[in-house]
C-alpha atoms as a PDB file:
ATOM      1  CA  MET A   1     135.967 102.019  79.121  1.00  0.00           C
ATOM      2  CA  SER A   2     134.615 105.385  80.297  1.00  0.00           C
ATOM      3  CA  ASP A   3     133.416 106.095  83.830  1.00  0.00           C
ATOM      4  CA  MET A   4     129.852 106.503  82.527  1.00  0.00           C
ATOM      5  CA  GLU A   5     129.950 103.148  80.741  1.00  0.00           C
ATOM      6  CA  GLN A   6     131.333 101.469  83.859  1.00  0.00           C
ATOM      7  CA  GLY A   7     128.539 103.026  85.919  1.00  0.00           C
ATOM      8  CA  ILE A   8     125.931 101.766  83.451  1.00  0.00           C
ATOM      9  CA  ARG A   9     127.493  98.300  83.517  1.00  0.00           C
ATOM     10  CA  GLU A  10     127.398  98.167  87.323  1.00  0.00           C
ATOM     11  CA  ARG A  11     123.834  99.445  87.514  1.00  0.00           C
ATOM     12  CA  ALA A  12     122.664  96.997  84.839  1.00  0.00           C
ATOM     13  CA  TYR A  13     124.264  94.163  86.807  1.00  0.00           C
ATOM     14  CA  PHE A  14     122.563  95.335  90.024  1.00  0.00           C
ATOM     15  CA  LEU A  15     119.175  95.535  88.258  1.00  0.00           C
ATOM     16  CA  TRP A  16     119.720  92.098  86.734  1.00  0.00           C
ATOM     17  CA  GLN A  17     120.526  90.611  90.153  1.00  0.00           C
ATOM     18  CA  LYS A  18     117.549  92.342  91.751  1.00  0.00           C
ATOM     19  CA  GLU A  19     115.228  90.714  89.166  1.00  0.00           C
ATOM     20  CA  GLY A  20     116.592  87.250  89.951  1.00  0.00           C
ATOM     21  CA  CYS A  21     119.289  86.949  87.242  1.00  0.00           C
ATOM     22  CA  PRO A  22     116.969  86.150  84.308  1.00  0.00           C
ATOM     23  CA  GLU A  23     118.653  84.738  81.205  1.00  0.00           C
ATOM     24  CA  GLY A  24     118.455  86.431  77.804  1.00  0.00           C
ATOM     25  CA  ARG A  25     117.431  89.918  78.991  1.00  0.00           C
ATOM     26  CA  GLU A  26     120.859  91.588  79.117  1.00  0.00           C
ATOM     27  CA  HIS A  27     119.878  94.302  76.643  1.00  0.00           C
ATOM     28  CA  GLU A  28     116.802  95.239  78.696  1.00  0.00           C
ATOM     29  CA  PHE A  29     118.855  95.797  81.844  1.00  0.00           C
ATOM     30  CA  TRP A  30     121.562  97.666  79.946  1.00  0.00           C
ATOM     31  CA  GLU A  31     118.954 100.002  78.429  1.00  0.00           C
ATOM     32  CA  ARG A  32     117.248 100.602  81.787  1.00  0.00           C
ATOM     33  CA  ALA A  33     120.588 101.409  83.395  1.00  0.00           C
ATOM     34  CA  ARG A  34     121.519 103.712  80.493  1.00  0.00           C
ATOM     35  CA  LEU A  35     118.220 105.610  80.756  1.00  0.00           C
ATOM     36  CA  LEU A  36     118.643 106.019  84.510  1.00  0.00           C
ATOM     37  CA  ALA A  37     122.171 107.386  84.033  1.00  0.00           C
ATOM     38  CA  GLN A  38     120.944 109.731  81.306  1.00  0.00           C
ATOM     39  CA  ALA A  39     118.150 111.040  83.540  1.00  0.00           C
ATOM     40  CA  GLU A  40     120.582 111.666  86.399  1.00  0.00           C
ATOM     41  CA  ALA A  41     122.962 113.555  84.110  1.00  0.00           C
ATOM     42  CA  ALA A  42     120.225 115.796  82.672  1.00  0.00           C
ATOM     43  CA  PRO A  43     119.901 119.328  84.048  1.00  0.00           C
ATOM     44  CA  ALA A  44     117.204 119.859  86.642  1.00  0.00           C
ATOM     45  CA  PHE A  45     113.836 120.916  85.294  1.00  0.00           C
ATOM     46  CA  PRO A  46     113.154 124.487  86.429  1.00  0.00           C
ATOM     47  CA  LEU A  47     110.142 124.851  88.669  1.00  0.00           C
ATOM     48  CA  PRO A  48     107.678 127.663  87.924  1.00  0.00           C
ATOM     49  CA  ASP A  49     108.183 129.472  91.247  1.00  0.00           C
ATOM     50  CA  ARG A  50     111.951 129.838  90.975  1.00  0.00           C
ATOM     51  CA  GLY A  51     111.549 133.334  89.526  1.00  0.00           C
ATOM     52  CA  ARG A  52     109.174 134.480  92.258  1.00  0.00           C
ATOM     53  CA  SER A  53     110.311 136.990  94.821  1.00  0.00           C
ATOM     54  CA  ALA A  54     110.778 136.125  98.473  1.00  0.00           C
ATOM     55  CA  ALA A  55     107.769 138.309  99.362  1.00  0.00           C
ATOM     56  CA  ASP A  56     105.548 136.397  96.902  1.00  0.00           C
ATOM     57  CA  LYS A  57     106.683 133.099  98.382  1.00  0.00           C
ATOM     58  CA  LEU A  58     105.837 134.335 101.892  1.00  0.00           C
ATOM     59  CA  VAL A  59     102.347 135.308 100.743  1.00  0.00           C
ATOM     60  CA  ASP A  60     101.900 131.859  99.217  1.00  0.00           C
ATOM     61  CA  GLU A  61     102.929 130.172 102.455  1.00  0.00           C
ATOM     62  CA  ALA A  62     100.684 132.412 104.560  1.00  0.00           C
ATOM     63  CA  SER A  63      97.681 131.667 102.348  1.00  0.00           C
ATOM     64  CA  LYS A  64      98.298 127.929 102.653  1.00  0.00           C
ATOM     65  CA  GLU A  65      98.156 128.253 106.427  1.00  0.00           C
ATOM     66  CA  SER A  66      95.083 130.484 106.539  1.00  0.00           C
ATOM     67  CA  PHE A  67      92.932 128.653 103.982  1.00  0.00           C
ATOM     68  CA  PRO A  68      93.425 124.911 104.277  1.00  0.00           C
ATOM     69  CA  ALA A  69      91.616 122.914 101.617  1.00  0.00           C
ATOM     70  CA  SER A  70      89.750 120.901 104.252  1.00  0.00           C
ATOM     71  CA  ASP A  71      87.786 123.899 105.587  1.00  0.00           C
ATOM     72  CA  PRO A  72      84.128 124.067 104.534  1.00  0.00           C
ATOM     73  CA  PRO A  73      82.994 127.044 102.444  1.00  0.00           C
ATOM     74  CA  SER A  74      82.224 130.131 104.505  1.00  0.00           C
ATOM     75  CA  PHE A  75      79.098 131.066 102.495  1.00  0.00           C
ATOM     76  CA  THR A  76      75.812 129.506 103.534  1.00  0.00           C
ATOM     77  CA  SER A  77      72.483 130.340 102.015  1.00  0.00           C
ATOM     78  CA  THR A  78      69.868 131.921 104.297  1.00  0.00           C
ATOM     79  CA  ALA A  79      66.978 130.859 102.063  1.00  0.00           C
ATOM     80  CA  GLY A  80      65.043 127.793 103.117  1.00  0.00           C
ATOM     81  CA  ALA A  81      64.933 124.730 100.920  1.00  0.00           C
ATOM     82  CA  GLY A  82      61.341 125.415  99.876  1.00  0.00           C
ATOM     83  CA  ASP A  83      61.694 129.185  99.378  1.00  0.00           C
ATOM     84  CA  VAL A  84      61.368 130.475  95.847  1.00  0.00           C
ATOM     85  CA  PRO A  85      62.783 133.912  95.068  1.00  0.00           C
ATOM     86  CA  ASP A  86      60.250 136.565  93.922  1.00  0.00           C
END
């Protein structure tokens, strides 16, 4: 038995115990454990900003600090509610 198969077996058993040891669902727990192992073995998904320069990342961080999403808009109309433009 390979190390990967042993790991799947142990994880499936853990999942089975965690669910209260239900009868007749061995294949479900085996498949869940196999999918979890497969996901862990897959290469990391590259994030879009990994190719950005350090200077670009600093600008991004500075803009997050200076323009928080919770601030109200800075533009306010000077026209009154009843004013109609000419």
